Amino acid sequence: MELKLNVQFEELVKLANQLSLPEKQRLIAILQKTAHISKTQKGERELGKYKGKIKMADDFNSPLDDFEDYM
């Protein structure tokens, strides 16, 4: 079920303050998940996404043998 409301931010805060602690935690989790999904759908970059997963070869900047004739 999808519920769409048109409320101002202040009204939303007032409504959120009326929730019990478990309901607030659930709301926060849903909002965080939605924010993450919307970022990836927009194609925005996620910093650190590939940290530690990509490694450069030690000889990355060394001249290539194929280009010896041009050097």
Protein backbone atom coordinates (compact mmCIF):
# COMPACT_ATOMS: atom_id res chain seq x y z
CA MET A 1 0.00 0.00 0.00
CA GLU A 2 1.34 3.39 -0.97
CA LEU A 3 0.27 6.50 0.90
CA LYS A 4 1.00 9.94 -0.50
CA LEU A 5 0.49 13.02 1.64
CA ASN A 6 1.10 16.68 1.05
CA VAL A 7 2.32 18.00 4.40
CA GLN A 8 4.76 20.69 5.42
CA PHE A 9 8.00 19.74 7.15
CA GLU A 10 6.86 21.16 10.49
CA GLU A 11 3.70 19.08 10.36
CA LEU A 12 5.74 16.00 9.55
CA VAL A 13 7.99 16.60 12.56
CA LYS A 14 4.96 16.99 14.82
CA LEU A 15 3.50 13.73 13.53
CA ALA A 16 6.84 11.92 13.91
CA ASN A 17 7.13 13.12 17.52
CA GLN A 18 3.84 11.41 18.32
CA LEU A 19 5.21 7.99 17.32
CA SER A 20 6.46 5.46 19.82
CA LEU A 21 10.20 4.71 19.86
CA PRO A 22 9.93 1.50 17.76
CA GLU A 23 7.75 3.32 15.24
CA LYS A 24 10.28 6.19 15.06
CA GLN A 25 13.11 3.72 14.49
CA ARG A 26 11.12 2.02 11.72
CA LEU A 27 10.38 5.40 10.13
CA ILE A 28 14.07 6.35 10.23
CA ALA A 29 15.06 3.03 8.64
CA ILE A 30 12.51 3.49 5.86
CA LEU A 31 13.63 7.07 5.20
CA GLN A 32 17.30 6.06 5.10
CA LYS A 33 16.55 3.24 2.67
CA THR A 34 14.48 5.57 0.49
CA ALA A 35 17.23 8.20 0.51
CA HIS A 36 19.82 5.60 -0.51
CA ILE A 37 17.63 4.29 -3.32
CA SER A 38 16.88 7.76 -4.66
CA LYS A 39 20.60 8.63 -4.69
CA THR A 40 21.49 5.56 -6.71
CA GLN A 41 18.55 6.06 -9.06
CA LYS A 42 19.69 9.61 -9.79
CA GLY A 43 23.15 8.33 -10.64
CA GLU A 44 24.78 10.29 -7.85
CA ARG A 45 28.21 9.13 -6.78
CA GLU A 46 28.67 7.18 -3.60
CA LEU A 47 32.07 8.06 -2.15
CA GLY A 48 34.17 5.14 -1.00
CA LYS A 49 32.01 2.56 -2.73
CA TYR A 50 34.98 0.65 -4.14
CA LYS A 51 37.51 1.37 -1.39
CA GLY A 52 39.87 -1.59 -1.03
CA LYS A 53 38.39 -3.38 -4.04
CA ILE A 54 40.57 -1.90 -6.80
CA LYS A 55 44.32 -2.40 -6.95
CA MET A 56 46.82 -0.83 -9.35
CA ALA A 57 49.70 -2.83 -10.72
CA ASP A 58 53.12 -1.70 -9.47
CA ASP A 59 54.23 -1.02 -13.05
CA PHE A 60 51.10 0.94 -14.00
CA ASN A 61 53.05 4.04 -15.12
CA SER A 62 55.87 2.11 -16.81
CA PRO A 63 56.23 2.50 -20.58
CA LEU A 64 54.52 -0.17 -22.65
CA ASP A 65 56.67 -2.44 -24.82
CA ASP A 66 54.29 -1.95 -27.74
CA PHE A 67 55.22 1.74 -27.96
CA GLU A 68 59.04 1.37 -27.95
CA ASP A 69 59.21 2.31 -31.64
CA TYR A 70 57.56 5.67 -30.92
CA MET A 71 59.79 6.68 -28.01
